[in-house]
Amino acid sequence: MSLTGVIPPMVTPTTGRSGTVDVDALRTFTEFLVDGGVHGLFPCGSIGEFSSLTREQRATVVETVVDAAGDRPVIAGCGGTAVGDVVEYVEDAEAAGADAAVVVTPYYLKTSDVGMVEFYEIVAAETSLPIVLYNIPPLTKHSLDVETVVELADRDEFIGIKDSSGDIDYINALARAVPDDFAVLPGVSALQVAALDGGADGAVNGSANFLPSLVTEIHDAYRAGDRERAVRLLNDVVNPITDAFSDVPIAAAIKHLVRKRGYDVGPPLPPLPTLSDEDRERLDRRYEEALEASVVG
């Protein structure tokens, strides 16, 4: 399976702060993203608040997204710290019809690349879904070295990496070093064009939750040779909005902006706080300014 293009790390619609998944809202939201032209879907990632969901809730999310995804590939978040739990999440994702499992680097306990490689090897040996590595050192405090990613990329079980380090040099080094059929997908919106310049395959951008058509247009314009348009859309529309929530919980901010598009996806789950009035007003102001810069799709 080849992973390219824009793949939103989807928010998880809930009916309240208790964490109950709103299946109807999730189905409608998935259809909104598909209609927006995204190239794939990524439920149960960090923005999907995977660490606040039970195993049963995660399975429900993946099943619902797969059912509504049409022909779009679904890469299901299967993050966890215990190998046995991760294996179960991957098995659930496969049973739900997902196309690949996204497995974040182990977190909480201090480890090394040797430990992380063994972690991934055991998961791969006990499951059959293709695995996408997930590198997000700002949250896990661990980062996969380029050489370690190359070591795993040479194995058929591993098909790509979602990198949210925010380090463009690291992303470019990955793109140069890994095999052509191993996808490099940056997870920071501001780096979408720069990463494509360096050979990345697409983007896993949180902003695609509320700007699916526009973020997809950035990718498609770049691939069509219109880099100037891609840069303008990124700088004039996407970056000013994402800058506005740089100091608030990203899942909470994105859920608010998805509601601005007309889709009630509920509040963030504890331990994330709800947004303050000041935060909401700042996001609303930046969003309205973005509307003036371009037609939001």
C-alpha atoms as a PDB file:
ATOM      1  CA  MET A   1       0.000   0.000   0.000  1.00  0.00           C
ATOM      2  CA  SER A   2       1.276   3.445  -0.925  1.00  0.00           C
ATOM      3  CA  LEU A   3       0.541   6.355   1.423  1.00  0.00           C
ATOM      4  CA  THR A   4       0.548   9.777  -0.225  1.00  0.00           C
ATOM      5  CA  GLY A   5      -1.287  13.054   0.017  1.00  0.00           C
ATOM      6  CA  VAL A   6      -3.236  14.624   2.856  1.00  0.00           C
ATOM      7  CA  ILE A   7      -4.300  12.313   5.702  1.00  0.00           C
ATOM      8  CA  PRO A   8      -6.085  14.154   8.538  1.00  0.00           C
ATOM      9  CA  PRO A   9      -5.333  13.034  12.099  1.00  0.00           C
ATOM     10  CA  MET A  10      -9.021  13.035  12.958  1.00  0.00           C
ATOM     11  CA  VAL A  11     -10.626  14.434  16.091  1.00  0.00           C
ATOM     12  CA  THR A  12     -12.854  11.985  17.941  1.00  0.00           C
ATOM     13  CA  PRO A  13     -16.446  13.237  18.296  1.00  0.00           C
ATOM     14  CA  THR A  14     -17.813  12.679  21.782  1.00  0.00           C
ATOM     15  CA  THR A  15     -21.166  13.306  23.450  1.00  0.00           C
ATOM     16  CA  GLY A  16     -19.625  14.948  26.508  1.00  0.00           C
ATOM     17  CA  ARG A  17     -16.667  15.030  28.860  1.00  0.00           C
ATOM     18  CA  SER A  18     -17.254  11.407  29.878  1.00  0.00           C
ATOM     19  CA  GLY A  19     -15.696  10.127  26.656  1.00  0.00           C
ATOM     20  CA  THR A  20     -18.674   8.442  24.993  1.00  0.00           C
ATOM     21  CA  VAL A  21     -17.989   8.274  21.236  1.00  0.00           C
ATOM     22  CA  ASP A  22     -20.632  10.016  19.147  1.00  0.00           C
ATOM     23  CA  VAL A  23     -20.890   7.485  16.340  1.00  0.00           C
ATOM     24  CA  ASP A  24     -23.378   9.467  14.243  1.00  0.00           C
ATOM     25  CA  ALA A  25     -21.275  12.629  14.451  1.00  0.00           C
ATOM     26  CA  LEU A  26     -18.133  10.643  13.595  1.00  0.00           C
ATOM     27  CA  ARG A  27     -19.755   9.150  10.517  1.00  0.00           C
ATOM     28  CA  THR A  28     -20.936  12.570   9.315  1.00  0.00           C
ATOM     29  CA  PHE A  29     -17.548  14.125  10.050  1.00  0.00           C
ATOM     30  CA  THR A  30     -15.746  11.365   8.143  1.00  0.00           C
ATOM     31  CA  GLU A  31     -17.990  11.979   5.139  1.00  0.00           C
ATOM     32  CA  PHE A  32     -17.164  15.709   5.357  1.00  0.00           C
ATOM     33  CA  LEU A  33     -13.446  14.932   5.145  1.00  0.00           C
ATOM     34  CA  VAL A  34     -13.906  12.501   2.264  1.00  0.00           C
ATOM     35  CA  ASP A  35     -16.043  15.032   0.393  1.00  0.00           C
ATOM     36  CA  GLY A  36     -13.244  17.531   1.005  1.00  0.00           C
ATOM     37  CA  GLY A  37     -10.926  15.386  -1.088  1.00  0.00           C
ATOM     38  CA  VAL A  38      -8.508  14.092   1.526  1.00  0.00           C
ATOM     39  CA  HIS A  39      -6.371  11.186   0.399  1.00  0.00           C
ATOM     40  CA  GLY A  40      -6.672   9.067   3.549  1.00  0.00           C
ATOM     41  CA  LEU A  41      -7.890   9.073   7.153  1.00  0.00           C
ATOM     42  CA  PHE A  42      -6.092   8.676  10.475  1.00  0.00           C
ATOM     43  CA  PRO A  43      -8.393   8.028  13.461  1.00  0.00           C
ATOM     44  CA  CYS A  44      -7.182   7.511  17.036  1.00  0.00           C
ATOM     45  CA  GLY A  45      -4.048   9.610  16.816  1.00  0.00           C
ATOM     46  CA  SER A  46      -2.908  12.277  19.266  1.00  0.00           C
ATOM     47  CA  ILE A  47      -5.480  14.808  18.049  1.00  0.00           C
ATOM     48  CA  GLY A  48      -8.013  11.981  18.295  1.00  0.00           C
ATOM     49  CA  GLU A  49      -7.175  11.796  22.031  1.00  0.00           C
ATOM     50  CA  PHE A  50      -6.324   8.091  21.799  1.00  0.00           C
ATOM     51  CA  SER A  51      -4.823   8.038  25.285  1.00  0.00           C
ATOM     52  CA  SER A  52      -8.204   9.045  26.745  1.00  0.00           C
ATOM     53  CA  LEU A  53     -10.142   6.272  24.967  1.00  0.00           C
ATOM     54  CA  THR A  54     -10.725   2.684  26.065  1.00  0.00           C
ATOM     55  CA  ARG A  55      -9.926  -0.256  23.818  1.00  0.00           C
ATOM     56  CA  GLU A  56     -13.623  -0.673  23.036  1.00  0.00           C
ATOM     57  CA  GLN A  57     -13.989   3.006  22.175  1.00  0.00           C
ATOM     58  CA  ARG A  58     -10.972   2.911  19.876  1.00  0.00           C
ATOM     59  CA  ALA A  59     -12.438  -0.086  18.057  1.00  0.00           C
ATOM     60  CA  THR A  60     -15.741   1.745  17.648  1.00  0.00           C
ATOM     61  CA  VAL A  61     -13.972   4.790  16.206  1.00  0.00           C
ATOM     62  CA  VAL A  62     -11.982   2.758  13.676  1.00  0.00           C
ATOM     63  CA  GLU A  63     -14.999   0.675  12.622  1.00  0.00           C
ATOM     64  CA  THR A  64     -17.079   3.812  12.060  1.00  0.00           C
ATOM     65  CA  VAL A  65     -14.381   5.580  10.054  1.00  0.00           C
ATOM     66  CA  VAL A  66     -13.701   2.535   7.880  1.00  0.00           C
ATOM     67  CA  ASP A  67     -17.415   2.189   7.177  1.00  0.00           C
ATOM     68  CA  ALA A  68     -17.681   5.818   6.035  1.00  0.00           C
ATOM     69  CA  ALA A  69     -14.295   6.125   4.307  1.00  0.00           C
ATOM     70  CA  GLY A  70     -15.279   4.747   0.906  1.00  0.00           C
ATOM     71  CA  ASP A  71     -12.128   4.056  -1.073  1.00  0.00           C
ATOM     72  CA  ARG A  72      -9.852   6.150   1.167  1.00  0.00           C
ATOM     73  CA  PRO A  73      -7.195   4.200   3.063  1.00  0.00           C
ATOM     74  CA  VAL A  74      -7.565   4.223   6.836  1.00  0.00           C
ATOM     75  CA  ILE A  75      -4.452   4.142   9.004  1.00  0.00           C
ATOM     76  CA  ALA A  76      -5.611   3.462  12.549  1.00  0.00           C
ATOM     77  CA  GLY A  77      -3.846   4.765  15.618  1.00  0.00           C
ATOM     78  CA  CYS A  78      -2.772   1.868  17.846  1.00  0.00           C
ATOM     79  CA  GLY A  79      -0.583   3.676  20.330  1.00  0.00           C
ATOM     80  CA  GLY A  80       0.267   2.338  23.762  1.00  0.00           C
ATOM     81  CA  THR A  81       3.121   1.556  26.092  1.00  0.00           C
ATOM     82  CA  ALA A  82       2.525  -2.181  26.664  1.00  0.00           C
ATOM     83  CA  VAL A  83       3.310  -4.499  23.757  1.00  0.00           C
ATOM     84  CA  GLY A  84       0.310  -6.690  24.570  1.00  0.00           C
ATOM     85  CA  ASP A  85      -2.062  -3.722  24.474  1.00  0.00           C
ATOM     86  CA  VAL A  86      -0.637  -2.475  21.179  1.00  0.00           C
ATOM     87  CA  VAL A  87      -0.998  -5.925  19.632  1.00  0.00           C
ATOM     88  CA  GLU A  88      -4.651  -5.986  20.684  1.00  0.00           C
ATOM     89  CA  TYR A  89      -5.250  -2.521  19.232  1.00  0.00           C
ATOM     90  CA  VAL A  90      -3.694  -3.605  15.938  1.00  0.00           C
ATOM     91  CA  GLU A  91      -5.815  -6.768  15.864  1.00  0.00           C
ATOM     92  CA  ASP A  92      -8.937  -4.669  16.506  1.00  0.00           C
ATOM     93  CA  ALA A  93      -7.969  -2.285  13.704  1.00  0.00           C
ATOM     94  CA  GLU A  94      -7.471  -5.172  11.297  1.00  0.00           C
ATOM     95  CA  ALA A  95     -10.829  -6.684  12.260  1.00  0.00           C
ATOM     96  CA  ALA A  96     -12.428  -3.294  11.594  1.00  0.00           C
ATOM     97  CA  GLY A  97     -10.968  -3.180   8.081  1.00  0.00           C
ATOM     98  CA  ALA A  98      -8.173  -0.645   8.560  1.00  0.00           C
ATOM     99  CA  ASP A  99      -5.387  -0.660   5.988  1.00  0.00           C
ATOM    100  CA  ALA A 100      -2.478  -0.034   8.368  1.00  0.00           C
ATOM    101  CA  ALA A 101      -1.693   0.537  12.029  1.00  0.00           C
ATOM    102  CA  VAL A 102       0.042   3.669  13.298  1.00  0.00           C
ATOM    103  CA  VAL A 103       2.194   2.819  16.316  1.00  0.00           C
ATOM    104  CA  VAL A 104       3.712   5.656  18.325  1.00  0.00           C
ATOM    105  CA  THR A 105       7.120   5.286  19.930  1.00  0.00           C
ATOM    106  CA  PRO A 106       6.930   3.991  23.521  1.00  0.00           C
ATOM    107  CA  TYR A 107       6.524   6.774  26.068  1.00  0.00           C
ATOM    108  CA  TYR A 108       6.758   7.492  29.815  1.00  0.00           C
ATOM    109  CA  LEU A 109       9.705   5.189  30.568  1.00  0.00           C
ATOM    110  CA  LYS A 110      13.112   6.345  29.359  1.00  0.00           C
ATOM    111  CA  THR A 111      14.432   4.010  26.663  1.00  0.00           C
ATOM    112  CA  SER A 112      16.802   3.853  23.690  1.00  0.00           C
ATOM    113  CA  ASP A 113      16.592   3.152  19.984  1.00  0.00           C
ATOM    114  CA  VAL A 114      17.565  -0.452  20.719  1.00  0.00           C
ATOM    115  CA  GLY A 115      14.563  -0.767  23.031  1.00  0.00           C
ATOM    116  CA  MET A 116      12.237   0.934  20.555  1.00  0.00           C
ATOM    117  CA  VAL A 117      13.341  -1.321  17.688  1.00  0.00           C
ATOM    118  CA  GLU A 118      12.643  -4.393  19.802  1.00  0.00           C
ATOM    119  CA  PHE A 119       9.240  -2.952  20.735  1.00  0.00           C
ATOM    120  CA  TYR A 120       8.340  -2.515  17.063  1.00  0.00           C
ATOM    121  CA  GLU A 121       9.768  -5.899  16.083  1.00  0.00           C
ATOM    122  CA  ILE A 122       7.615  -7.726  18.630  1.00  0.00           C
ATOM    123  CA  VAL A 123       4.458  -5.884  17.549  1.00  0.00           C
ATOM    124  CA  ALA A 124       5.202  -6.646  13.886  1.00  0.00           C
ATOM    125  CA  ALA A 125       5.878 -10.307  14.626  1.00  0.00           C
ATOM    126  CA  GLU A 126       2.560 -10.755  16.429  1.00  0.00           C
ATOM    127  CA  THR A 127       0.322  -8.851  13.995  1.00  0.00           C
ATOM    128  CA  SER A 128      -0.246  -8.779  10.265  1.00  0.00           C
ATOM    129  CA  LEU A 129      -1.296  -5.208   9.446  1.00  0.00           C
ATOM    130  CA  PRO A 130       1.355  -2.976   7.863  1.00  0.00           C
ATOM    131  CA  ILE A 131       2.810  -0.588  10.431  1.00  0.00           C
ATOM    132  CA  VAL A 132       3.375   3.158  10.187  1.00  0.00           C
ATOM    133  CA  LEU A 133       5.915   4.473  12.695  1.00  0.00           C
ATOM    134  CA  TYR A 134       4.855   7.523  14.681  1.00  0.00           C
ATOM    135  CA  ASN A 135       7.590   9.870  15.906  1.00  0.00           C
ATOM    136  CA  ILE A 136       6.378  12.680  18.172  1.00  0.00           C
ATOM    137  CA  PRO A 137       9.216  13.538  20.584  1.00  0.00           C
ATOM    138  CA  PRO A 138       7.553  16.677  22.045  1.00  0.00           C
ATOM    139  CA  LEU A 139       5.047  14.326  23.721  1.00  0.00           C
ATOM    140  CA  THR A 140       6.883  11.002  24.088  1.00  0.00           C
ATOM    141  CA  LYS A 141      10.355  12.457  24.887  1.00  0.00           C
ATOM    142  CA  HIS A 142      11.814   9.825  22.553  1.00  0.00           C
ATOM    143  CA  SER A 143      12.901  10.276  18.947  1.00  0.00           C
ATOM    144  CA  LEU A 144      13.805   7.653  16.391  1.00  0.00           C
ATOM    145  CA  ASP A 145      17.209   8.234  14.819  1.00  0.00           C
ATOM    146  CA  VAL A 146      17.252   8.356  11.025  1.00  0.00           C
ATOM    147  CA  GLU A 147      19.403   5.204  11.004  1.00  0.00           C
ATOM    148  CA  THR A 148      16.829   3.391  13.146  1.00  0.00           C
ATOM    149  CA  VAL A 149      13.991   4.365  10.816  1.00  0.00           C
ATOM    150  CA  VAL A 150      16.033   3.130   7.847  1.00  0.00           C
ATOM    151  CA  GLU A 151      16.651  -0.169   9.648  1.00  0.00           C
ATOM    152  CA  LEU A 152      12.909  -0.690  10.121  1.00  0.00           C
ATOM    153  CA  ALA A 153      12.014   0.691   6.671  1.00  0.00           C
ATOM    154  CA  ASP A 154      13.981  -2.103   5.041  1.00  0.00           C
ATOM    155  CA  ARG A 155      11.442  -4.599   6.423  1.00  0.00           C
ATOM    156  CA  ASP A 156       8.198  -5.265   4.606  1.00  0.00           C
ATOM    157  CA  GLU A 157       6.087  -4.863   7.753  1.00  0.00           C
ATOM    158  CA  PHE A 158       6.876  -1.147   8.009  1.00  0.00           C
ATOM    159  CA  ILE A 159       5.497   1.126   5.295  1.00  0.00           C
ATOM    160  CA  GLY A 160       5.966   4.690   6.510  1.00  0.00           C
ATOM    161  CA  ILE A 161       6.493   7.200   9.278  1.00  0.00           C
ATOM    162  CA  LYS A 162       4.370  10.023  10.600  1.00  0.00           C
ATOM    163  CA  ASP A 163       6.815  12.539  12.037  1.00  0.00           C
ATOM    164  CA  SER A 164       5.682  15.351  14.332  1.00  0.00           C
ATOM    165  CA  SER A 165       9.116  16.446  15.494  1.00  0.00           C
ATOM    166  CA  GLY A 166       8.812  19.771  13.685  1.00  0.00           C
ATOM    167  CA  ASP A 167      12.405  19.327  12.497  1.00  0.00           C
ATOM    168  CA  ILE A 168      12.559  19.893   8.742  1.00  0.00           C
ATOM    169  CA  ASP A 169      16.193  18.749   8.564  1.00  0.00           C
ATOM    170  CA  TYR A 170      15.194  15.437  10.139  1.00  0.00           C
ATOM    171  CA  ILE A 171      12.259  15.025   7.741  1.00  0.00           C
ATOM    172  CA  ASN A 172      14.448  15.793   4.733  1.00  0.00           C
ATOM    173  CA  ALA A 173      17.098  13.343   5.950  1.00  0.00           C
ATOM    174  CA  LEU A 174      14.437  10.650   6.280  1.00  0.00           C
ATOM    175  CA  ALA A 175      13.131  11.302   2.777  1.00  0.00           C
ATOM    176  CA  ARG A 176      16.636  10.933   1.344  1.00  0.00           C
ATOM    177  CA  ALA A 177      17.514   7.797   3.290  1.00  0.00           C
ATOM    178  CA  VAL A 178      14.453   5.530   3.237  1.00  0.00           C
ATOM    179  CA  PRO A 179      13.359   3.337   0.294  1.00  0.00           C
ATOM    180  CA  ASP A 180      11.074   4.935  -2.278  1.00  0.00           C
ATOM    181  CA  ASP A 181       8.102   2.827  -1.181  1.00  0.00           C
ATOM    182  CA  PHE A 182       8.388   3.940   2.454  1.00  0.00           C
ATOM    183  CA  ALA A 183       6.195   6.988   3.077  1.00  0.00           C
ATOM    184  CA  VAL A 184       7.453  10.047   4.932  1.00  0.00           C
ATOM    185  CA  LEU A 185       4.531  12.077   6.275  1.00  0.00           C
ATOM    186  CA  PRO A 186       5.189  15.226   8.340  1.00  0.00           C
ATOM    187  CA  GLY A 187       2.667  16.070  11.043  1.00  0.00           C
ATOM    188  CA  VAL A 188       3.287  19.809  11.431  1.00  0.00           C
ATOM    189  CA  SER A 189       1.090  21.965   9.202  1.00  0.00           C
ATOM    190  CA  ALA A 190       3.629  24.746   8.722  1.00  0.00           C
ATOM    191  CA  LEU A 191       6.103  22.306   7.139  1.00  0.00           C
ATOM    192  CA  GLN A 192       3.752  20.930   4.485  1.00  0.00           C
ATOM    193  CA  VAL A 193       5.404  22.599   1.474  1.00  0.00           C
ATOM    194  CA  ALA A 194       8.967  22.534   2.796  1.00  0.00           C
ATOM    195  CA  ALA A 195       8.643  18.800   3.442  1.00  0.00           C
ATOM    196  CA  LEU A 196       7.381  18.208  -0.107  1.00  0.00           C
ATOM    197  CA  ASP A 197      10.418  20.151  -1.355  1.00  0.00           C
ATOM    198  CA  GLY A 198      12.588  17.671   0.519  1.00  0.00           C
ATOM    199  CA  GLY A 199      10.872  14.597  -0.885  1.00  0.00           C
ATOM    200  CA  ALA A 200       8.101  13.866   1.614  1.00  0.00           C
ATOM    201  CA  ASP A 201       5.032  12.023   0.362  1.00  0.00           C
ATOM    202  CA  GLY A 202       2.234  14.068   1.882  1.00  0.00           C
ATOM    203  CA  ALA A 203       1.077  15.471   5.196  1.00  0.00           C
ATOM    204  CA  VAL A 204      -0.780  14.390   8.320  1.00  0.00           C
ATOM    205  CA  ASN A 205      -1.972  17.882   9.246  1.00  0.00           C
ATOM    206  CA  GLY A 206      -4.365  18.687  12.054  1.00  0.00           C
ATOM    207  CA  SER A 207      -5.613  21.677  10.075  1.00  0.00           C
ATOM    208  CA  ALA A 208      -7.116  19.266   7.529  1.00  0.00           C
ATOM    209  CA  ASN A 209      -9.813  18.534  10.119  1.00  0.00           C
ATOM    210  CA  PHE A 210     -11.404  21.924   9.507  1.00  0.00           C
ATOM    211  CA  LEU A 211      -9.844  22.879   6.156  1.00  0.00           C
ATOM    212  CA  PRO A 212      -9.864  19.572   4.257  1.00  0.00           C
ATOM    213  CA  SER A 213     -10.329  20.970   0.763  1.00  0.00           C
ATOM    214  CA  LEU A 214      -7.816  23.739   1.236  1.00  0.00           C
ATOM    215  CA  VAL A 215      -5.075  21.583   2.760  1.00  0.00           C
ATOM    216  CA  THR A 216      -5.651  19.064  -0.013  1.00  0.00           C
ATOM    217  CA  GLU A 217      -5.451  21.876  -2.564  1.00  0.00           C
ATOM    218  CA  ILE A 218      -2.044  22.858  -1.189  1.00  0.00           C
ATOM    219  CA  HIS A 219      -0.776  19.338  -1.824  1.00  0.00           C
ATOM    220  CA  ASP A 220      -2.413  19.022  -5.235  1.00  0.00           C
ATOM    221  CA  ALA A 221      -1.212  22.460  -6.372  1.00  0.00           C
ATOM    222  CA  TYR A 222       2.332  21.569  -5.411  1.00  0.00           C
ATOM    223  CA  ARG A 223       2.171  18.245  -7.250  1.00  0.00           C
ATOM    224  CA  ALA A 224       0.764  20.048 -10.309  1.00  0.00           C
ATOM    225  CA  GLY A 225       3.779  22.355 -10.358  1.00  0.00           C
ATOM    226  CA  ASP A 226       2.131  25.417  -8.822  1.00  0.00           C
ATOM    227  CA  ARG A 227       4.337  25.775  -5.763  1.00  0.00           C
ATOM    228  CA  GLU A 228       3.623  29.484  -5.568  1.00  0.00           C
ATOM    229  CA  ARG A 229      -0.076  28.863  -4.975  1.00  0.00           C
ATOM    230  CA  ALA A 230       0.679  26.156  -2.444  1.00  0.00           C
ATOM    231  CA  VAL A 231       2.915  28.515  -0.467  1.00  0.00           C
ATOM    232  CA  ARG A 232       0.371  31.346  -0.609  1.00  0.00           C
ATOM    233  CA  LEU A 233      -2.450  29.175   0.721  1.00  0.00           C
ATOM    234  CA  LEU A 234      -0.249  27.808   3.482  1.00  0.00           C
ATOM    235  CA  ASN A 235       1.083  31.197   4.561  1.00  0.00           C
ATOM    236  CA  ASP A 236      -2.091  33.255   4.144  1.00  0.00           C
ATOM    237  CA  VAL A 237      -4.686  30.815   5.467  1.00  0.00           C
ATOM    238  CA  VAL A 238      -3.349  27.796   7.355  1.00  0.00           C
ATOM    239  CA  ASN A 239      -0.399  29.175   9.286  1.00  0.00           C
ATOM    240  CA  PRO A 240      -2.200  32.196  10.821  1.00  0.00           C
ATOM    241  CA  ILE A 241      -4.877  29.887  12.224  1.00  0.00           C
ATOM    242  CA  THR A 242      -2.499  27.258  13.569  1.00  0.00           C
ATOM    243  CA  ASP A 243      -0.339  29.976  15.116  1.00  0.00           C
ATOM    244  CA  ALA A 244      -3.390  31.056  17.120  1.00  0.00           C
ATOM    245  CA  PHE A 245      -3.567  27.758  18.980  1.00  0.00           C
ATOM    246  CA  SER A 246       0.142  27.198  19.526  1.00  0.00           C
ATOM    247  CA  ASP A 247      -0.252  27.739  23.273  1.00  0.00           C
ATOM    248  CA  VAL A 248      -3.503  25.820  23.905  1.00  0.00           C
ATOM    249  CA  PRO A 249      -4.258  22.066  23.746  1.00  0.00           C
ATOM    250  CA  ILE A 250      -4.366  21.301  20.053  1.00  0.00           C
ATOM    251  CA  ALA A 251      -7.217  18.774  20.192  1.00  0.00           C
ATOM    252  CA  ALA A 252      -9.417  21.276  22.021  1.00  0.00           C
ATOM    253  CA  ALA A 253      -8.602  24.023  19.502  1.00  0.00           C
ATOM    254  CA  ILE A 254      -9.233  21.833  16.485  1.00  0.00           C
ATOM    255  CA  LYS A 255     -12.532  20.551  17.880  1.00  0.00           C
ATOM    256  CA  HIS A 256     -13.623  24.176  18.260  1.00  0.00           C
ATOM    257  CA  LEU A 257     -12.661  24.966  14.665  1.00  0.00           C
ATOM    258  CA  VAL A 258     -14.441  21.860  13.378  1.00  0.00           C
ATOM    259  CA  ARG A 259     -17.573  23.186  15.089  1.00  0.00           C
ATOM    260  CA  LYS A 260     -17.027  26.432  13.179  1.00  0.00           C
ATOM    261  CA  ARG A 261     -17.429  24.362  10.017  1.00  0.00           C
ATOM    262  CA  GLY A 262     -20.817  23.170  11.264  1.00  0.00           C
ATOM    263  CA  TYR A 263     -19.908  19.798  12.797  1.00  0.00           C
ATOM    264  CA  ASP A 264     -20.485  19.400  16.528  1.00  0.00           C
ATOM    265  CA  VAL A 265     -17.779  16.995  17.663  1.00  0.00           C
ATOM    266  CA  GLY A 266     -18.184  17.600  21.375  1.00  0.00           C
ATOM    267  CA  PRO A 267     -15.678  18.838  23.942  1.00  0.00           C
ATOM    268  CA  PRO A 268     -12.137  17.625  24.539  1.00  0.00           C
ATOM    269  CA  LEU A 269     -11.779  14.790  27.037  1.00  0.00           C
ATOM    270  CA  PRO A 270     -10.133  15.048  30.453  1.00  0.00           C
ATOM    271  CA  PRO A 271      -7.372  15.700  31.253  1.00  0.00           C
ATOM    272  CA  LEU A 272      -7.566  18.350  28.498  1.00  0.00           C
ATOM    273  CA  PRO A 273      -9.390  21.500  29.584  1.00  0.00           C
ATOM    274  CA  THR A 274     -12.119  23.197  27.622  1.00  0.00           C
ATOM    275  CA  LEU A 275     -11.067  26.426  25.921  1.00  0.00           C
ATOM    276  CA  SER A 276     -11.430  29.737  27.693  1.00  0.00           C
ATOM    277  CA  ASP A 277     -13.588  32.493  26.202  1.00  0.00           C
ATOM    278  CA  GLU A 278     -10.394  34.341  25.328  1.00  0.00           C
ATOM    279  CA  ASP A 279      -8.986  31.324  23.470  1.00  0.00           C
ATOM    280  CA  ARG A 280     -12.197  30.820  21.510  1.00  0.00           C
ATOM    281  CA  GLU A 281     -12.378  34.494  20.569  1.00  0.00           C
ATOM    282  CA  ARG A 282      -8.769  34.451  19.345  1.00  0.00           C
ATOM    283  CA  LEU A 283      -9.397  31.343  17.236  1.00  0.00           C
ATOM    284  CA  ASP A 284     -12.613  32.797  15.837  1.00  0.00           C
ATOM    285  CA  ARG A 285     -10.848  36.017  14.895  1.00  0.00           C
ATOM    286  CA  ARG A 286      -8.015  34.214  13.083  1.00  0.00           C
ATOM    287  CA  TYR A 287     -10.503  31.929  11.372  1.00  0.00           C
ATOM    288  CA  GLU A 288     -12.534  34.861  10.067  1.00  0.00           C
ATOM    289  CA  GLU A 289      -9.372  36.551   8.850  1.00  0.00           C
ATOM    290  CA  ALA A 290      -8.512  33.350   6.973  1.00  0.00           C
ATOM    291  CA  LEU A 291     -11.890  33.470   5.276  1.00  0.00           C
ATOM    292  CA  GLU A 292     -10.947  36.867   3.900  1.00  0.00           C
ATOM    293  CA  ALA A 293      -7.655  35.501   2.558  1.00  0.00           C
ATOM    294  CA  SER A 294      -9.225  32.626   0.634  1.00  0.00           C
ATOM    295  CA  VAL A 295     -12.453  30.743   0.168  1.00  0.00           C
ATOM    296  CA  VAL A 296     -12.316  27.998   2.781  1.00  0.00           C
ATOM    297  CA  GLY A 297     -13.034  24.554   1.338  1.00  0.00           C
END
